[in-house]
């Protein structure tokens, strides 16, 4: 993910592409997990990195992608606030 002054704008652009299926950037090379798969897990109700790890196996080998996954979870939560009474869709 991009950082710096225009980082949030670029992240927003990446999220839009990830949600529409236009990008399939690899986030976890060890377990071959794409950005799209992580977004799908978030849409199903994952709310934190351990949920993503359990659902996709991303970040369960070497751990290099954990910061990226953390950032994706934070960005998703910021852009898609959840109803605290909502049900999980796993």
PDB file of N, CA and C in Angstrom:
ATOM      1  N   UNK A   1       0.836  -1.179   0.000  1.00  0.00           N
ATOM      2  CA  UNK A   1       0.000   0.000   0.000  1.00  0.00           C
ATOM      3  C   UNK A   1       0.880   1.241   0.000  1.00  0.00           C
ATOM      4  N   UNK A   2       0.347   2.291  -0.498  1.00  0.00           N
ATOM      5  CA  UNK A   2       1.105   3.536  -0.602  1.00  0.00           C
ATOM      6  C   UNK A   2       1.072   4.285   0.715  1.00  0.00           C
ATOM      7  N   UNK A   3       2.133   5.042   0.958  1.00  0.00           N
ATOM      8  CA  UNK A   3       2.168   5.895   2.133  1.00  0.00           C
ATOM      9  C   UNK A   3       2.521   7.302   1.680  1.00  0.00           C
ATOM     10  N   UNK A   4       2.539   8.214   2.632  1.00  0.00           N
ATOM     11  CA  UNK A   4       2.911   9.580   2.285  1.00  0.00           C
ATOM     12  C   UNK A   4       1.685  10.456   2.104  1.00  0.00           C
ATOM     13  N   UNK A   5       1.931  11.644   1.581  1.00  0.00           N
ATOM     14  CA  UNK A   5       0.914  12.666   1.483  1.00  0.00           C
ATOM     15  C   UNK A   5      -0.325  12.218   0.695  1.00  0.00           C
ATOM     16  N   UNK A   6      -0.147  11.601  -0.448  1.00  0.00           N
ATOM     17  CA  UNK A   6      -1.294  11.189  -1.256  1.00  0.00           C
ATOM     18  C   UNK A   6      -1.671   9.729  -1.009  1.00  0.00           C
ATOM     19  N   UNK A   7      -1.110   9.121   0.035  1.00  0.00           N
ATOM     20  CA  UNK A   7      -1.331   7.709   0.301  1.00  0.00           C
ATOM     21  C   UNK A   7      -2.780   7.327   0.466  1.00  0.00           C
ATOM     22  N   UNK A   8      -3.572   8.125   1.206  1.00  0.00           N
ATOM     23  CA  UNK A   8      -4.960   7.720   1.424  1.00  0.00           C
ATOM     24  C   UNK A   8      -5.753   7.780   0.133  1.00  0.00           C
ATOM     25  N   UNK A   9      -5.448   8.745  -0.731  1.00  0.00           N
ATOM     26  CA  UNK A   9      -6.134   8.819  -2.015  1.00  0.00           C
ATOM     27  C   UNK A   9      -5.800   7.589  -2.858  1.00  0.00           C
ATOM     28  N   UNK A  10      -4.531   7.202  -2.861  1.00  0.00           N
ATOM     29  CA  UNK A  10      -4.127   6.032  -3.629  1.00  0.00           C
ATOM     30  C   UNK A  10      -4.716   4.764  -3.030  1.00  0.00           C
ATOM     31  N   UNK A  11      -4.768   4.684  -1.680  1.00  0.00           N
ATOM     32  CA  UNK A  11      -5.369   3.522  -1.027  1.00  0.00           C
ATOM     33  C   UNK A  11      -6.846   3.422  -1.382  1.00  0.00           C
ATOM     34  N   UNK A  12      -7.533   4.576  -1.410  1.00  0.00           N
ATOM     35  CA  UNK A  12      -8.943   4.579  -1.776  1.00  0.00           C
ATOM     36  C   UNK A  12      -9.115   4.038  -3.180  1.00  0.00           C
ATOM     37  N   UNK A  13      -8.230   4.456  -4.079  1.00  0.00           N
ATOM     38  CA  UNK A  13      -8.272   3.973  -5.454  1.00  0.00           C
ATOM     39  C   UNK A  13      -8.055   2.465  -5.503  1.00  0.00           C
ATOM     40  N   UNK A  14      -7.082   1.958  -4.725  1.00  0.00           N
ATOM     41  CA  UNK A  14      -6.824   0.524  -4.696  1.00  0.00           C
ATOM     42  C   UNK A  14      -8.021  -0.227  -4.140  1.00  0.00           C
ATOM     43  N   UNK A  15      -8.663   0.324  -3.096  1.00  0.00           N
ATOM     44  CA  UNK A  15      -9.825  -0.350  -2.523  1.00  0.00           C
ATOM     45  C   UNK A  15     -10.937  -0.449  -3.546  1.00  0.00           C
ATOM     46  N   UNK A  16     -11.157   0.632  -4.280  1.00  0.00           N
ATOM     47  CA  UNK A  16     -12.208   0.604  -5.287  1.00  0.00           C
ATOM     48  C   UNK A  16     -11.934  -0.487  -6.303  1.00  0.00           C
ATOM     49  N   UNK A  17     -10.690  -0.589  -6.741  1.00  0.00           N
ATOM     50  CA  UNK A  17     -10.329  -1.623  -7.709  1.00  0.00           C
ATOM     51  C   UNK A  17     -10.453  -3.007  -7.099  1.00  0.00           C
ATOM     52  N   UNK A  18     -10.029  -3.174  -5.842  1.00  0.00           N
ATOM     53  CA  UNK A  18     -10.102  -4.480  -5.192  1.00  0.00           C
ATOM     54  C   UNK A  18     -11.557  -4.914  -5.029  1.00  0.00           C
ATOM     55  N   UNK A  19     -12.409  -3.974  -4.697  1.00  0.00           N
ATOM     56  CA  UNK A  19     -13.811  -4.316  -4.486  1.00  0.00           C
ATOM     57  C   UNK A  19     -14.527  -4.641  -5.791  1.00  0.00           C
ATOM     58  N   UNK A  20     -14.078  -4.079  -6.890  1.00  0.00           N
ATOM     59  CA  UNK A  20     -14.725  -4.362  -8.166  1.00  0.00           C
ATOM     60  C   UNK A  20     -14.037  -5.497  -8.906  1.00  0.00           C
ATOM     61  N   UNK A  21     -12.973  -6.049  -8.327  1.00  0.00           N
ATOM     62  CA  UNK A  21     -12.293  -7.170  -8.947  1.00  0.00           C
ATOM     63  C   UNK A  21     -11.289  -6.770 -10.017  1.00  0.00           C
ATOM     64  N   UNK A  22     -10.933  -5.493 -10.071  1.00  0.00           N
ATOM     65  CA  UNK A  22     -10.018  -5.034 -11.113  1.00  0.00           C
ATOM     66  C   UNK A  22      -8.557  -5.254 -10.758  1.00  0.00           C
ATOM     67  N   UNK A  23      -8.256  -5.536  -9.491  1.00  0.00           N
ATOM     68  CA  UNK A  23      -6.875  -5.770  -9.097  1.00  0.00           C
ATOM     69  C   UNK A  23      -6.792  -7.074  -8.318  1.00  0.00           C
ATOM     70  N   UNK A  24      -5.714  -7.778  -8.482  1.00  0.00           N
ATOM     71  CA  UNK A  24      -5.532  -9.027  -7.754  1.00  0.00           C
ATOM     72  C   UNK A  24      -4.086  -9.090  -7.264  1.00  0.00           C
ATOM     73  N   UNK A  25      -3.646  -7.987  -6.677  1.00  0.00           N
ATOM     74  CA  UNK A  25      -2.280  -7.869  -6.183  1.00  0.00           C
ATOM     75  C   UNK A  25      -2.033  -8.895  -5.087  1.00  0.00           C
ATOM     76  N   UNK A  26      -0.890  -9.558  -5.150  1.00  0.00           N
ATOM     77  CA  UNK A  26      -0.511 -10.558  -4.167  1.00  0.00           C
ATOM     78  C   UNK A  26      -0.062  -9.864  -2.884  1.00  0.00           C
ATOM     79  N   UNK A  27      -0.686 -10.193  -1.775  1.00  0.00           N
ATOM     80  CA  UNK A  27      -0.324  -9.620  -0.478  1.00  0.00           C
ATOM     81  C   UNK A  27       0.597 -10.578   0.270  1.00  0.00           C
ATOM     82  N   UNK A  28       0.251 -11.858   0.277  1.00  0.00           N
ATOM     83  CA  UNK A  28       1.040 -12.874   0.967  1.00  0.00           C
ATOM     84  C   UNK A  28       1.624 -13.837  -0.065  1.00  0.00           C
ATOM     85  N   UNK A  29       2.910 -13.690  -0.312  1.00  0.00           N
ATOM     86  CA  UNK A  29       3.572 -14.536  -1.311  1.00  0.00           C
ATOM     87  C   UNK A  29       3.735 -15.972  -0.814  1.00  0.00           C
ATOM     88  N   UNK A  30       3.936 -16.149   0.480  1.00  0.00           N
ATOM     89  CA  UNK A  30       4.129 -17.503   1.023  1.00  0.00           C
ATOM     90  C   UNK A  30       2.914 -18.386   0.778  1.00  0.00           C
ATOM     91  N   UNK A  31       1.728 -17.818   0.982  1.00  0.00           N
ATOM     92  CA  UNK A  31       0.502 -18.604   0.869  1.00  0.00           C
ATOM     93  C   UNK A  31      -0.349 -18.199  -0.328  1.00  0.00           C
ATOM     94  N   UNK A  32       0.236 -17.385  -1.213  1.00  0.00           N
ATOM     95  CA  UNK A  32      -0.435 -16.982  -2.452  1.00  0.00           C
ATOM     96  C   UNK A  32      -1.826 -16.388  -2.200  1.00  0.00           C
ATOM     97  N   UNK A  33      -1.901 -15.410  -1.291  1.00  0.00           N
ATOM     98  CA  UNK A  33      -3.171 -14.771  -0.962  1.00  0.00           C
ATOM     99  C   UNK A  33      -3.179 -13.368  -1.571  1.00  0.00           C
ATOM    100  N   UNK A  34      -4.215 -13.090  -2.331  1.00  0.00           N
ATOM    101  CA  UNK A  34      -4.320 -11.809  -3.025  1.00  0.00           C
ATOM    102  C   UNK A  34      -5.080 -10.782  -2.192  1.00  0.00           C
ATOM    103  N   UNK A  35      -4.933  -9.528  -2.605  1.00  0.00           N
ATOM    104  CA  UNK A  35      -5.669  -8.424  -2.001  1.00  0.00           C
ATOM    105  C   UNK A  35      -7.174  -8.693  -2.103  1.00  0.00           C
ATOM    106  N   UNK A  36      -7.599  -9.206  -3.235  1.00  0.00           N
ATOM    107  CA  UNK A  36      -9.017  -9.501  -3.470  1.00  0.00           C
ATOM    108  C   UNK A  36      -9.558 -10.509  -2.453  1.00  0.00           C
ATOM    109  N   UNK A  37      -8.767 -11.545  -2.132  1.00  0.00           N
ATOM    110  CA  UNK A  37      -9.203 -12.548  -1.155  1.00  0.00           C
ATOM    111  C   UNK A  37      -9.346 -11.940   0.235  1.00  0.00           C
ATOM    112  N   UNK A  38      -8.460 -11.029   0.581  1.00  0.00           N
ATOM    113  CA  UNK A  38      -8.535 -10.369   1.887  1.00  0.00           C
ATOM    114  C   UNK A  38      -9.758  -9.474   1.950  1.00  0.00           C
ATOM    115  N   UNK A  39     -10.032  -8.739   0.882  1.00  0.00           N
ATOM    116  CA  UNK A  39     -11.227  -7.893   0.838  1.00  0.00           C
ATOM    117  C   UNK A  39     -12.482  -8.759   0.965  1.00  0.00           C
ATOM    118  N   UNK A  40     -12.503  -9.905   0.314  1.00  0.00           N
ATOM    119  CA  UNK A  40     -13.656 -10.807   0.424  1.00  0.00           C
ATOM    120  C   UNK A  40     -13.860 -11.261   1.869  1.00  0.00           C
ATOM    121  N   UNK A  41     -12.760 -11.570   2.566  1.00  0.00           N
ATOM    122  CA  UNK A  41     -12.860 -11.977   3.974  1.00  0.00           C
ATOM    123  C   UNK A  41     -13.391 -10.827   4.824  1.00  0.00           C
ATOM    124  N   UNK A  42     -12.942  -9.607   4.529  1.00  0.00           N
ATOM    125  CA  UNK A  42     -13.429  -8.439   5.265  1.00  0.00           C
ATOM    126  C   UNK A  42     -14.919  -8.227   5.014  1.00  0.00           C
ATOM    127  N   UNK A  43     -15.347  -8.419   3.793  1.00  0.00           N
ATOM    128  CA  UNK A  43     -16.766  -8.269   3.461  1.00  0.00           C
ATOM    129  C   UNK A  43     -17.621  -9.313   4.166  1.00  0.00           C
ATOM    130  N   UNK A  44     -17.046 -10.482   4.429  1.00  0.00           N
ATOM    131  CA  UNK A  44     -17.783 -11.552   5.109  1.00  0.00           C
ATOM    132  C   UNK A  44     -17.840 -11.350   6.611  1.00  0.00           C
ATOM    133  N   UNK A  45     -17.078 -10.369   7.125  1.00  0.00           N
ATOM    134  CA  UNK A  45     -17.169 -10.076   8.547  1.00  0.00           C
ATOM    135  C   UNK A  45     -15.877 -10.129   9.325  1.00  0.00           C
ATOM    136  N   UNK A  46     -14.753 -10.439   8.687  1.00  0.00           N
ATOM    137  CA  UNK A  46     -13.472 -10.412   9.400  1.00  0.00           C
ATOM    138  C   UNK A  46     -13.248  -8.990   9.915  1.00  0.00           C
ATOM    139  N   UNK A  47     -12.828  -8.871  11.168  1.00  0.00           N
ATOM    140  CA  UNK A  47     -12.662  -7.540  11.751  1.00  0.00           C
ATOM    141  C   UNK A  47     -11.247  -7.257  12.237  1.00  0.00           C
ATOM    142  N   UNK A  48     -10.389  -8.258  12.180  1.00  0.00           N
ATOM    143  CA  UNK A  48      -9.007  -8.059  12.615  1.00  0.00           C
ATOM    144  C   UNK A  48      -8.090  -9.048  11.907  1.00  0.00           C
ATOM    145  N   UNK A  49      -6.801  -8.806  12.019  1.00  0.00           N
ATOM    146  CA  UNK A  49      -5.812  -9.611  11.311  1.00  0.00           C
ATOM    147  C   UNK A  49      -5.917 -11.103  11.625  1.00  0.00           C
ATOM    148  N   UNK A  50      -6.092 -11.522  12.878  1.00  0.00           N
ATOM    149  CA  UNK A  50      -6.228 -12.965  13.128  1.00  0.00           C
ATOM    150  C   UNK A  50      -7.403 -13.601  12.375  1.00  0.00           C
ATOM    151  N   UNK A  51      -8.488 -12.835  12.154  1.00  0.00           N
ATOM    152  CA  UNK A  51      -9.600 -13.354  11.348  1.00  0.00           C
ATOM    153  C   UNK A  51      -9.132 -13.609   9.917  1.00  0.00           C
ATOM    154  N   UNK A  52      -8.385 -12.657   9.363  1.00  0.00           N
ATOM    155  CA  UNK A  52      -7.871 -12.788   7.998  1.00  0.00           C
ATOM    156  C   UNK A  52      -6.935 -13.996   7.923  1.00  0.00           C
ATOM    157  N   UNK A  53      -6.094 -14.157   8.929  1.00  0.00           N
ATOM    158  CA  UNK A  53      -5.167 -15.291   8.949  1.00  0.00           C
ATOM    159  C   UNK A  53      -5.923 -16.613   8.960  1.00  0.00           C
ATOM    160  N   UNK A  54      -6.951 -16.699   9.779  1.00  0.00           N
ATOM    161  CA  UNK A  54      -7.718 -17.938   9.897  1.00  0.00           C
ATOM    162  C   UNK A  54      -8.466 -18.259   8.606  1.00  0.00           C
ATOM    163  N   UNK A  55      -9.037 -17.244   7.976  1.00  0.00           N
ATOM    164  CA  UNK A  55      -9.847 -17.455   6.780  1.00  0.00           C
ATOM    165  C   UNK A  55      -8.993 -17.718   5.538  1.00  0.00           C
ATOM    166  N   UNK A  56      -7.892 -16.936   5.387  1.00  0.00           N
ATOM    167  CA  UNK A  56      -7.123 -16.999   4.135  1.00  0.00           C
ATOM    168  C   UNK A  56      -5.750 -17.648   4.269  1.00  0.00           C
ATOM    169  N   UNK A  57      -5.254 -17.807   5.471  1.00  0.00           N
ATOM    170  CA  UNK A  57      -3.895 -18.278   5.765  1.00  0.00           C
ATOM    171  C   UNK A  57      -2.832 -17.215   5.481  1.00  0.00           C
ATOM    172  N   UNK A  58      -3.229 -16.021   5.047  1.00  0.00           N
ATOM    173  CA  UNK A  58      -2.270 -14.938   4.822  1.00  0.00           C
ATOM    174  C   UNK A  58      -1.605 -14.566   6.149  1.00  0.00           C
ATOM    175  N   UNK A  59      -0.302 -14.368   6.120  1.00  0.00           N
ATOM    176  CA  UNK A  59       0.427 -13.946   7.306  1.00  0.00           C
ATOM    177  C   UNK A  59       0.709 -15.053   8.305  1.00  0.00           C
ATOM    178  N   UNK A  60       0.509 -16.290   7.923  1.00  0.00           N
ATOM    179  CA  UNK A  60       0.732 -17.390   8.862  1.00  0.00           C
ATOM    180  C   UNK A  60       2.067 -18.103   8.656  1.00  0.00           C
ATOM    181  N   UNK A  61       2.845 -17.666   7.675  1.00  0.00           N
ATOM    182  CA  UNK A  61       4.147 -18.304   7.439  1.00  0.00           C
ATOM    183  C   UNK A  61       5.260 -17.403   7.937  1.00  0.00           C
ATOM    184  N   UNK A  62       5.794 -16.552   7.094  1.00  0.00           N
ATOM    185  CA  UNK A  62       6.936 -15.721   7.496  1.00  0.00           C
ATOM    186  C   UNK A  62       6.524 -14.448   8.223  1.00  0.00           C
ATOM    187  N   UNK A  63       5.315 -13.953   7.987  1.00  0.00           N
ATOM    188  CA  UNK A  63       4.818 -12.766   8.680  1.00  0.00           C
ATOM    189  C   UNK A  63       5.167 -11.431   8.047  1.00  0.00           C
ATOM    190  N   UNK A  64       5.868 -11.427   6.923  1.00  0.00           N
ATOM    191  CA  UNK A  64       6.251 -10.163   6.287  1.00  0.00           C
ATOM    192  C   UNK A  64       5.050  -9.327   5.856  1.00  0.00           C
ATOM    193  N   UNK A  65       3.933  -9.966   5.590  1.00  0.00           N
ATOM    194  CA  UNK A  65       2.758  -9.249   5.090  1.00  0.00           C
ATOM    195  C   UNK A  65       1.830  -8.764   6.204  1.00  0.00           C
ATOM    196  N   UNK A  66       2.135  -9.057   7.450  1.00  0.00           N
ATOM    197  CA  UNK A  66       1.213  -8.718   8.539  1.00  0.00           C
ATOM    198  C   UNK A  66       0.933  -7.226   8.651  1.00  0.00           C
ATOM    199  N   UNK A  67       1.939  -6.392   8.437  1.00  0.00           N
ATOM    200  CA  UNK A  67       1.699  -4.947   8.504  1.00  0.00           C
ATOM    201  C   UNK A  67       0.756  -4.497   7.390  1.00  0.00           C
ATOM    202  N   UNK A  68       0.898  -5.079   6.217  1.00  0.00           N
ATOM    203  CA  UNK A  68       0.005  -4.749   5.105  1.00  0.00           C
ATOM    204  C   UNK A  68      -1.413  -5.192   5.416  1.00  0.00           C
ATOM    205  N   UNK A  69      -1.550  -6.386   5.973  1.00  0.00           N
ATOM    206  CA  UNK A  69      -2.882  -6.891   6.334  1.00  0.00           C
ATOM    207  C   UNK A  69      -3.497  -6.005   7.410  1.00  0.00           C
ATOM    208  N   UNK A  70      -2.710  -5.639   8.425  1.00  0.00           N
ATOM    209  CA  UNK A  70      -3.199  -4.734   9.480  1.00  0.00           C
ATOM    210  C   UNK A  70      -3.733  -3.442   8.870  1.00  0.00           C
ATOM    211  N   UNK A  71      -2.959  -2.879   7.948  1.00  0.00           N
ATOM    212  CA  UNK A  71      -3.348  -1.625   7.300  1.00  0.00           C
ATOM    213  C   UNK A  71      -4.626  -1.805   6.471  1.00  0.00           C
ATOM    214  N   UNK A  72      -4.723  -2.926   5.784  1.00  0.00           N
ATOM    215  CA  UNK A  72      -5.929  -3.189   4.985  1.00  0.00           C
ATOM    216  C   UNK A  72      -7.162  -3.289   5.880  1.00  0.00           C
ATOM    217  N   UNK A  73      -7.027  -3.966   7.021  1.00  0.00           N
ATOM    218  CA  UNK A  73      -8.146  -4.095   7.966  1.00  0.00           C
ATOM    219  C   UNK A  73      -8.544  -2.712   8.481  1.00  0.00           C
ATOM    220  N   UNK A  74      -7.558  -1.914   8.886  1.00  0.00           N
ATOM    221  CA  UNK A  74      -7.840  -0.561   9.394  1.00  0.00           C
ATOM    222  C   UNK A  74      -8.514   0.293   8.332  1.00  0.00           C
ATOM    223  N   UNK A  75      -7.989   0.269   7.121  1.00  0.00           N
ATOM    224  CA  UNK A  75      -8.566   1.059   6.037  1.00  0.00           C
ATOM    225  C   UNK A  75      -9.993   0.615   5.726  1.00  0.00           C
ATOM    226  N   UNK A  76     -10.205  -0.688   5.705  1.00  0.00           N
ATOM    227  CA  UNK A  76     -11.538  -1.205   5.407  1.00  0.00           C
ATOM    228  C   UNK A  76     -12.529  -0.784   6.494  1.00  0.00           C
ATOM    229  N   UNK A  77     -12.125  -0.909   7.734  1.00  0.00           N
ATOM    230  CA  UNK A  77     -13.004  -0.524   8.846  1.00  0.00           C
ATOM    231  C   UNK A  77     -13.329   0.971   8.798  1.00  0.00           C
ATOM    232  N   UNK A  78     -12.355   1.776   8.422  1.00  0.00           N
ATOM    233  CA  UNK A  78     -12.566   3.218   8.339  1.00  0.00           C
ATOM    234  C   UNK A  78     -13.541   3.544   7.199  1.00  0.00           C
ATOM    235  N   UNK A  79     -13.423   2.838   6.089  1.00  0.00           N
ATOM    236  CA  UNK A  79     -14.259   3.116   4.922  1.00  0.00           C
ATOM    237  C   UNK A  79     -15.614   2.419   4.976  1.00  0.00           C
ATOM    238  N   UNK A  80     -15.730   1.366   5.778  1.00  0.00           N
ATOM    239  CA  UNK A  80     -16.966   0.591   5.886  1.00  0.00           C
ATOM    240  C   UNK A  80     -17.284   0.337   7.360  1.00  0.00           C
ATOM    241  N   UNK A  81     -17.752   1.356   8.081  1.00  0.00           N
ATOM    242  CA  UNK A  81     -18.054   1.151   9.505  1.00  0.00           C
ATOM    243  C   UNK A  81     -19.077   0.030   9.686  1.00  0.00           C
ATOM    244  N   UNK A  82     -18.869  -0.778  10.696  1.00  0.00           N
ATOM    245  CA  UNK A  82     -19.744  -1.927  10.935  1.00  0.00           C
ATOM    246  C   UNK A  82     -20.800  -1.614  11.979  1.00  0.00           C
ATOM    247  N   UNK A  83     -21.937  -2.259  11.818  1.00  0.00           N
ATOM    248  CA  UNK A  83     -22.981  -2.219  12.824  1.00  0.00           C
ATOM    249  C   UNK A  83     -22.539  -3.154  13.947  1.00  0.00           C
ATOM    250  N   UNK A  84     -22.351  -2.650  15.170  1.00  0.00           N
ATOM    251  CA  UNK A  84     -21.880  -3.516  16.254  1.00  0.00           C
ATOM    252  C   UNK A  84     -22.834  -4.668  16.562  1.00  0.00           C
ATOM    253  N   UNK A  85     -24.087  -4.558  16.130  1.00  0.00           N
ATOM    254  CA  UNK A  85     -25.068  -5.623  16.355  1.00  0.00           C
ATOM    255  C   UNK A  85     -25.148  -6.586  15.173  1.00  0.00           C
ATOM    256  N   UNK A  86     -24.342  -6.337  14.125  1.00  0.00           N
ATOM    257  CA  UNK A  86     -24.404  -7.150  12.902  1.00  0.00           C
ATOM    258  C   UNK A  86     -23.876  -8.552  13.104  1.00  0.00           C
ATOM    259  N   UNK A  87     -24.261  -9.443  12.215  1.00  0.00           N
ATOM    260  CA  UNK A  87     -23.814 -10.838  12.268  1.00  0.00           C
ATOM    261  C   UNK A  87     -22.644 -11.048  11.332  1.00  0.00           C
ATOM    262  N   UNK A  88     -21.793 -11.992  11.670  1.00  0.00           N
ATOM    263  CA  UNK A  88     -20.671 -12.352  10.828  1.00  0.00           C
ATOM    264  C   UNK A  88     -21.148 -13.325   9.755  1.00  0.00           C
ATOM    265  N   UNK A  89     -20.531 -13.237   8.568  1.00  0.00           N
ATOM    266  CA  UNK A  89     -20.967 -14.079   7.475  1.00  0.00           C
ATOM    267  C   UNK A  89     -20.003 -15.190   7.130  1.00  0.00           C
ATOM    268  N   UNK A  90     -19.248 -15.711   8.109  1.00  0.00           N
ATOM    269  CA  UNK A  90     -18.284 -16.777   7.808  1.00  0.00           C
ATOM    270  C   UNK A  90     -19.019 -18.062   7.562  1.00  0.00           C
TER     271      UNK A  90
END
